[in-house]
Amino acid sequence: MPSLFRFLTIVAVLGGLVYGVLFALAHLVNPVPREITVTIPPDKYLKR
Protein backbone atom coordinates (compact mmCIF):
# COMPACT_ATOMS: atom_id res chain seq x y z
CA MET A 1 0.00 0.00 0.00
CA PRO A 2 2.78 2.54 0.62
CA SER A 3 3.74 2.42 -3.06
CA LEU A 4 0.12 3.24 -3.98
CA PHE A 5 0.13 6.29 -1.70
CA ARG A 6 3.48 7.39 -3.13
CA PHE A 7 2.13 7.03 -6.68
CA LEU A 8 -1.05 8.97 -5.85
CA THR A 9 1.01 11.69 -4.16
CA ILE A 10 3.26 12.05 -7.22
CA VAL A 11 0.24 12.19 -9.54
CA ALA A 12 -1.42 14.81 -7.33
CA VAL A 13 1.75 16.96 -7.21
CA LEU A 14 2.21 16.75 -10.99
CA GLY A 15 -1.46 17.60 -11.53
CA GLY A 16 -1.10 20.60 -9.21
CA LEU A 17 1.97 21.79 -11.10
CA VAL A 18 0.18 21.51 -14.44
CA TYR A 19 -2.83 23.37 -13.02
CA GLY A 20 -0.57 26.08 -11.62
CA VAL A 21 1.24 26.57 -14.93
CA LEU A 22 -2.04 26.77 -16.87
CA PHE A 23 -3.47 29.22 -14.34
CA ALA A 24 -0.36 31.39 -14.55
CA LEU A 25 -0.43 31.39 -18.37
CA ALA A 26 -4.11 32.27 -18.41
CA HIS A 27 -3.91 35.15 -15.93
CA LEU A 28 -0.41 36.58 -16.14
CA VAL A 29 0.40 36.55 -19.87
CA ASN A 30 -1.30 39.28 -21.90
CA PRO A 31 -1.23 38.86 -25.70
CA VAL A 32 -0.50 41.92 -27.83
CA PRO A 33 -3.38 42.59 -30.28
CA ARG A 34 -2.35 43.48 -33.82
CA GLU A 35 -3.95 43.87 -37.22
CA ILE A 36 -3.68 41.09 -39.76
CA THR A 37 -4.19 41.53 -43.50
CA VAL A 38 -4.81 38.40 -45.55
CA THR A 39 -4.89 38.54 -49.35
CA ILE A 40 -7.32 36.06 -50.89
CA PRO A 41 -6.70 35.14 -54.53
CA PRO A 42 -9.68 35.85 -56.84
CA ASP A 43 -10.18 32.20 -57.80
CA LYS A 44 -11.26 31.44 -54.23
CA TYR A 45 -14.43 33.58 -54.38
CA LEU A 46 -15.34 33.77 -58.09
CA LYS A 47 -17.97 31.33 -59.33
CA ARG A 48 -17.14 29.32 -62.38
PDB file of N, CA and C in Angstrom:
ATOM      1  N   MET A   1       0.794  -1.212   0.000  1.00  0.00           N
ATOM      2  CA  MET A   1       0.000   0.000   0.000  1.00  0.00           C
ATOM      3  C   MET A   1       0.835   1.274   0.000  1.00  0.00           C
ATOM      4  N   PRO A   2       2.007   1.287   0.637  1.00  0.00           N
ATOM      5  CA  PRO A   2       2.776   2.543   0.623  1.00  0.00           C
ATOM      6  C   PRO A   2       3.152   2.981  -0.788  1.00  0.00           C
ATOM      7  N   SER A   3       3.385   2.021  -1.695  1.00  0.00           N
ATOM      8  CA  SER A   3       3.736   2.425  -3.059  1.00  0.00           C
ATOM      9  C   SER A   3       2.531   3.067  -3.761  1.00  0.00           C
ATOM     10  N   LEU A   4       1.318   2.631  -3.409  1.00  0.00           N
ATOM     11  CA  LEU A   4       0.121   3.237  -3.981  1.00  0.00           C
ATOM     12  C   LEU A   4      -0.023   4.684  -3.515  1.00  0.00           C
ATOM     13  N   PHE A   5       0.201   4.926  -2.227  1.00  0.00           N
ATOM     14  CA  PHE A   5       0.125   6.287  -1.699  1.00  0.00           C
ATOM     15  C   PHE A   5       1.207   7.167  -2.310  1.00  0.00           C
ATOM     16  N   ARG A   6       2.397   6.623  -2.503  1.00  0.00           N
ATOM     17  CA  ARG A   6       3.478   7.385  -3.126  1.00  0.00           C
ATOM     18  C   ARG A   6       3.107   7.743  -4.562  1.00  0.00           C
ATOM     19  N   PHE A   7       2.549   6.777  -5.294  1.00  0.00           N
ATOM     20  CA  PHE A   7       2.130   7.035  -6.676  1.00  0.00           C
ATOM     21  C   PHE A   7       1.041   8.106  -6.729  1.00  0.00           C
ATOM     22  N   LEU A   8       0.037   7.984  -5.855  1.00  0.00           N
ATOM     23  CA  LEU A   8      -1.045   8.969  -5.854  1.00  0.00           C
ATOM     24  C   LEU A   8      -0.536  10.350  -5.457  1.00  0.00           C
ATOM     25  N   THR A   9       0.428  10.404  -4.553  1.00  0.00           N
ATOM     26  CA  THR A   9       1.011  11.686  -4.161  1.00  0.00           C
ATOM     27  C   THR A   9       1.752  12.318  -5.331  1.00  0.00           C
ATOM     28  N   ILE A  10       2.519  11.533  -6.060  1.00  0.00           N
ATOM     29  CA  ILE A  10       3.265  12.048  -7.218  1.00  0.00           C
ATOM     30  C   ILE A  10       2.301  12.540  -8.288  1.00  0.00           C
ATOM     31  N   VAL A  11       1.230  11.785  -8.543  1.00  0.00           N
ATOM     32  CA  VAL A  11       0.239  12.189  -9.544  1.00  0.00           C
ATOM     33  C   VAL A  11      -0.446  13.480  -9.115  1.00  0.00           C
ATOM     34  N   ALA A  12      -0.771  13.599  -7.819  1.00  0.00           N
ATOM     35  CA  ALA A  12      -1.419  14.813  -7.327  1.00  0.00           C
ATOM     36  C   ALA A  12      -0.486  16.021  -7.437  1.00  0.00           C
ATOM     37  N   VAL A  13       0.791  15.848  -7.114  1.00  0.00           N
ATOM     38  CA  VAL A  13       1.750  16.955  -7.211  1.00  0.00           C
ATOM     39  C   VAL A  13       1.932  17.379  -8.665  1.00  0.00           C
ATOM     40  N   LEU A  14       2.070  16.420  -9.564  1.00  0.00           N
ATOM     41  CA  LEU A  14       2.211  16.751 -10.989  1.00  0.00           C
ATOM     42  C   LEU A  14       0.951  17.433 -11.521  1.00  0.00           C
ATOM     43  N   GLY A  15      -0.208  16.961 -11.116  1.00  0.00           N
ATOM     44  CA  GLY A  15      -1.458  17.601 -11.529  1.00  0.00           C
ATOM     45  C   GLY A  15      -1.547  19.027 -11.011  1.00  0.00           C
ATOM     46  N   GLY A  16      -1.114  19.249  -9.766  1.00  0.00           N
ATOM     47  CA  GLY A  16      -1.104  20.600  -9.212  1.00  0.00           C
ATOM     48  C   GLY A  16      -0.146  21.511  -9.944  1.00  0.00           C
ATOM     49  N   LEU A  17       1.011  20.986 -10.334  1.00  0.00           N
ATOM     50  CA  LEU A  17       1.967  21.789 -11.100  1.00  0.00           C
ATOM     51  C   LEU A  17       1.401  22.175 -12.461  1.00  0.00           C
ATOM     52  N   VAL A  18       0.779  21.226 -13.138  1.00  0.00           N
ATOM     53  CA  VAL A  18       0.176  21.510 -14.442  1.00  0.00           C
ATOM     54  C   VAL A  18      -0.928  22.551 -14.291  1.00  0.00           C
ATOM     55  N   TYR A  19      -1.754  22.400 -13.267  1.00  0.00           N
ATOM     56  CA  TYR A  19      -2.828  23.365 -13.024  1.00  0.00           C
ATOM     57  C   TYR A  19      -2.249  24.748 -12.738  1.00  0.00           C
ATOM     58  N   GLY A  20      -1.194  24.805 -11.945  1.00  0.00           N
ATOM     59  CA  GLY A  20      -0.569  26.082 -11.625  1.00  0.00           C
ATOM     60  C   GLY A  20       0.015  26.763 -12.845  1.00  0.00           C
ATOM     61  N   VAL A  21       0.659  25.991 -13.708  1.00  0.00           N
ATOM     62  CA  VAL A  21       1.241  26.567 -14.932  1.00  0.00           C
ATOM     63  C   VAL A  21       0.137  27.086 -15.844  1.00  0.00           C
ATOM     64  N   LEU A  22      -0.934  26.314 -16.012  1.00  0.00           N
ATOM     65  CA  LEU A  22      -2.037  26.766 -16.868  1.00  0.00           C
ATOM     66  C   LEU A  22      -2.708  28.005 -16.287  1.00  0.00           C
ATOM     67  N   PHE A  23      -2.877  28.051 -14.976  1.00  0.00           N
ATOM     68  CA  PHE A  23      -3.470  29.216 -14.337  1.00  0.00           C
ATOM     69  C   PHE A  23      -2.594  30.449 -14.548  1.00  0.00           C
ATOM     70  N   ALA A  24      -1.279  30.271 -14.376  1.00  0.00           N
ATOM     71  CA  ALA A  24      -0.357  31.391 -14.554  1.00  0.00           C
ATOM     72  C   ALA A  24      -0.378  31.884 -16.001  1.00  0.00           C
ATOM     73  N   LEU A  25      -0.388  30.977 -16.965  1.00  0.00           N
ATOM     74  CA  LEU A  25      -0.428  31.385 -18.371  1.00  0.00           C
ATOM     75  C   LEU A  25      -1.726  32.113 -18.695  1.00  0.00           C
ATOM     76  N   ALA A  26      -2.824  31.668 -18.105  1.00  0.00           N
ATOM     77  CA  ALA A  26      -4.114  32.272 -18.414  1.00  0.00           C
ATOM     78  C   ALA A  26      -4.267  33.661 -17.796  1.00  0.00           C
ATOM     79  N   HIS A  27      -3.664  33.902 -16.636  1.00  0.00           N
ATOM     80  CA  HIS A  27      -3.909  35.148 -15.935  1.00  0.00           C
ATOM     81  C   HIS A  27      -2.755  36.141 -15.977  1.00  0.00           C
ATOM     82  N   LEU A  28      -1.554  35.688 -16.225  1.00  0.00           N
ATOM     83  CA  LEU A  28      -0.406  36.582 -16.138  1.00  0.00           C
ATOM     84  C   LEU A  28       0.165  36.989 -17.494  1.00  0.00           C
ATOM     85  N   VAL A  29      -0.144  36.243 -18.544  1.00  0.00           N
ATOM     86  CA  VAL A  29       0.397  36.546 -19.871  1.00  0.00           C
ATOM     87  C   VAL A  29      -0.672  37.278 -20.671  1.00  0.00           C
ATOM     88  N   ASN A  30      -0.363  38.492 -21.113  1.00  0.00           N
ATOM     89  CA  ASN A  30      -1.304  39.280 -21.905  1.00  0.00           C
ATOM     90  C   ASN A  30      -0.829  39.333 -23.359  1.00  0.00           C
ATOM     91  N   PRO A  31      -1.626  38.802 -24.291  1.00  0.00           N
ATOM     92  CA  PRO A  31      -1.230  38.861 -25.695  1.00  0.00           C
ATOM     93  C   PRO A  31      -1.332  40.290 -26.231  1.00  0.00           C
ATOM     94  N   VAL A  32      -0.500  40.592 -27.211  1.00  0.00           N
ATOM     95  CA  VAL A  32      -0.502  41.918 -27.830  1.00  0.00           C
ATOM     96  C   VAL A  32      -1.393  41.858 -29.065  1.00  0.00           C
ATOM     97  N   PRO A  33      -2.525  42.606 -29.088  1.00  0.00           N
ATOM     98  CA  PRO A  33      -3.376  42.592 -30.279  1.00  0.00           C
ATOM     99  C   PRO A  33      -2.707  43.336 -31.433  1.00  0.00           C
ATOM    100  N   ARG A  34      -2.910  42.840 -32.627  1.00  0.00           N
ATOM    101  CA  ARG A  34      -2.348  43.482 -33.821  1.00  0.00           C
ATOM    102  C   ARG A  34      -3.263  43.200 -35.004  1.00  0.00           C
ATOM    103  N   GLU A  35      -3.132  44.043 -36.022  1.00  0.00           N
ATOM    104  CA  GLU A  35      -3.949  43.869 -37.218  1.00  0.00           C
ATOM    105  C   GLU A  35      -3.299  42.859 -38.149  1.00  0.00           C
ATOM    106  N   ILE A  36      -4.156  42.084 -38.809  1.00  0.00           N
ATOM    107  CA  ILE A  36      -3.676  41.091 -39.760  1.00  0.00           C
ATOM    108  C   ILE A  36      -4.390  41.323 -41.079  1.00  0.00           C
ATOM    109  N   THR A  37      -3.627  41.384 -42.160  1.00  0.00           N
ATOM    110  CA  THR A  37      -4.191  41.528 -43.498  1.00  0.00           C
ATOM    111  C   THR A  37      -3.893  40.252 -44.276  1.00  0.00           C
ATOM    112  N   VAL A  38      -4.947  39.637 -44.786  1.00  0.00           N
ATOM    113  CA  VAL A  38      -4.805  38.403 -45.550  1.00  0.00           C
ATOM    114  C   VAL A  38      -5.312  38.657 -46.951  1.00  0.00           C
ATOM    115  N   THR A  39      -4.494  38.382 -47.950  1.00  0.00           N
ATOM    116  CA  THR A  39      -4.887  38.536 -49.348  1.00  0.00           C
ATOM    117  C   THR A  39      -5.445  37.206 -49.847  1.00  0.00           C
ATOM    118  N   ILE A  40      -6.675  37.262 -50.365  1.00  0.00           N
ATOM    119  CA  ILE A  40      -7.317  36.058 -50.889  1.00  0.00           C
ATOM    120  C   ILE A  40      -7.279  36.139 -52.398  1.00  0.00           C
ATOM    121  N   PRO A  41      -6.730  35.118 -53.059  1.00  0.00           N
ATOM    122  CA  PRO A  41      -6.703  35.141 -54.526  1.00  0.00           C
ATOM    123  C   PRO A  41      -8.120  35.099 -55.110  1.00  0.00           C
ATOM    124  N   PRO A  42      -8.323  35.750 -56.262  1.00  0.00           N
ATOM    125  CA  PRO A  42      -9.681  35.848 -56.839  1.00  0.00           C
ATOM    126  C   PRO A  42     -10.329  34.505 -57.141  1.00  0.00           C
ATOM    127  N   ASP A  43      -9.559  33.478 -57.445  1.00  0.00           N
ATOM    128  CA  ASP A  43     -10.180  32.202 -57.804  1.00  0.00           C
ATOM    129  C   ASP A  43     -10.820  31.516 -56.590  1.00  0.00           C
ATOM    130  N   LYS A  44     -10.634  32.033 -55.417  1.00  0.00           N
ATOM    131  CA  LYS A  44     -11.262  31.443 -54.232  1.00  0.00           C
ATOM    132  C   LYS A  44     -12.709  31.909 -54.060  1.00  0.00           C
ATOM    133  N   TYR A  45     -13.085  33.077 -54.591  1.00  0.00           N
ATOM    134  CA  TYR A  45     -14.428  33.579 -54.379  1.00  0.00           C
ATOM    135  C   TYR A  45     -15.190  33.825 -55.665  1.00  0.00           C
ATOM    136  N   LEU A  46     -14.612  33.618 -56.822  1.00  0.00           N
ATOM    137  CA  LEU A  46     -15.335  33.771 -58.092  1.00  0.00           C
ATOM    138  C   LEU A  46     -16.012  32.448 -58.450  1.00  0.00           C
ATOM    139  N   LYS A  47     -17.264  32.539 -58.892  1.00  0.00           N
ATOM    140  CA  LYS A  47     -17.974  31.329 -59.329  1.00  0.00           C
ATOM    141  C   LYS A  47     -17.561  31.013 -60.760  1.00  0.00           C
ATOM    142  N   ARG A  48     -17.503  29.752 -61.027  1.00  0.00           N
ATOM    143  CA  ARG A  48     -17.144  29.315 -62.377  1.00  0.00           C
ATOM    144  C   ARG A  48     -18.326  28.688 -63.067  1.00  0.00           C
TER     145      ARG A  48
END
